[in-house]
Amino acid sequence: MSQLSVLVVVEHDNQTIKSSTYHSVNAATQILSGQGQLHLLVAGSECAKVAEQAATIDGVGKVIVIDSHELQHQLAETITEAVIAVAKDYSHILFPATTYGKNIAPRVAATLGIAQISDITEVIDTQTYVRPIYAGNALATVQNNGQQVVLTIRSSAFPATSHSQNKAVIENYTVGQFNPLSQLKSQSLTQVSRAELSSAKIVISGGRGLSSGENFALIETIADKLGAAVGASRAAVDAGYVPNDYQVGQTGKIVAPDLYIAVGISGAIQHIAGMKESKVIVAINSDPEAPIFQVADYGIVGDLFEILPEFDKALA
């Protein structure tokens, strides 16, 4: 293992890099502080297009590509094997703190027998980081022991790195044989034409106050006019109003848009932990004592079924 070298595992769909990777690369450059090597790992199937995109990200010195049909579905067990195959050369192994990263990073850390530090929101130096605890109500400063470490990076805490004119070296790496422990039998994906929730500049989320999934149409109409992503509280997801990939909160997606509009959301601490870093927060709730108003910059107390149509009319 070299003295200081960072490997960022790229989140992608075999065609396009997910936005979370660009934030992880920013964290990696802060860890390096101009020293050492920054490499990306693209593990997938027929993912040459992703490797080409990764090679133009600013600050990247090399892109390692592991291309195998066994990696087509991005299953955690096989991606872990791919990461382990190249991990020995790196002091820091970074993943985005998304569902993808949270599924793989602990497996990598456990297999290597090394520490993992989760949900990094600030880099102090190469071995010291800040992460939220107690649902974001406190911040812990954590220092690694100088050994190899796995980190997951909270995307909302770091700006996205951009592309540059330079092109990194692309190196193909072959893993002898994968030993898959699981198989993908089927999947049901939510098709969304709007902005991606975790990277949208505007997010409008609905809670249990909407009373039904059909009433989310009120939010979706406004979201389309604002160019916003649609989110939801855990209560709305648990009630079956919307799919669970809409969920914003400690156990869902962490977002930090320029504008966050919470509609019919009371403001449980788990939800607030996932959106309180938003630049401007607007809350609409009929209960003036709802906890959401404690973090809101603007609050509207009233019946959302009267307010949303008026809002929609104003936008028109």
Foldseek 3Di string as FASTA:
>chain_A
DDQAEEEEEFDDLLAETDQLSQQQVQVSCQQQVPHYAYEYEYEEANNVNHLQVVQQFPRHAEYEYEHDNVCHPVDQQQVLVVCLVPVVVHQEYEYALAPSCVSRQVVNCVVVVHEEDEAFQADPYNFWTWHADPLNPDIDIDGGPSGRYYYHYHSQNGDGTDGHPGGHHYHYDYDPDGDDPDDDPDDDDDDDPADQQAPWQEEEEEECLLVALVSCVLVVLVCVLVSYHYAYDVRCCVVVSDPQQRYFFQPHAAHAHQEYEYEQDLCDSRRCSRYLNHNAYEYEEQDPPRPVVVSHPYYHHDRCVVVSVVVSVVSD
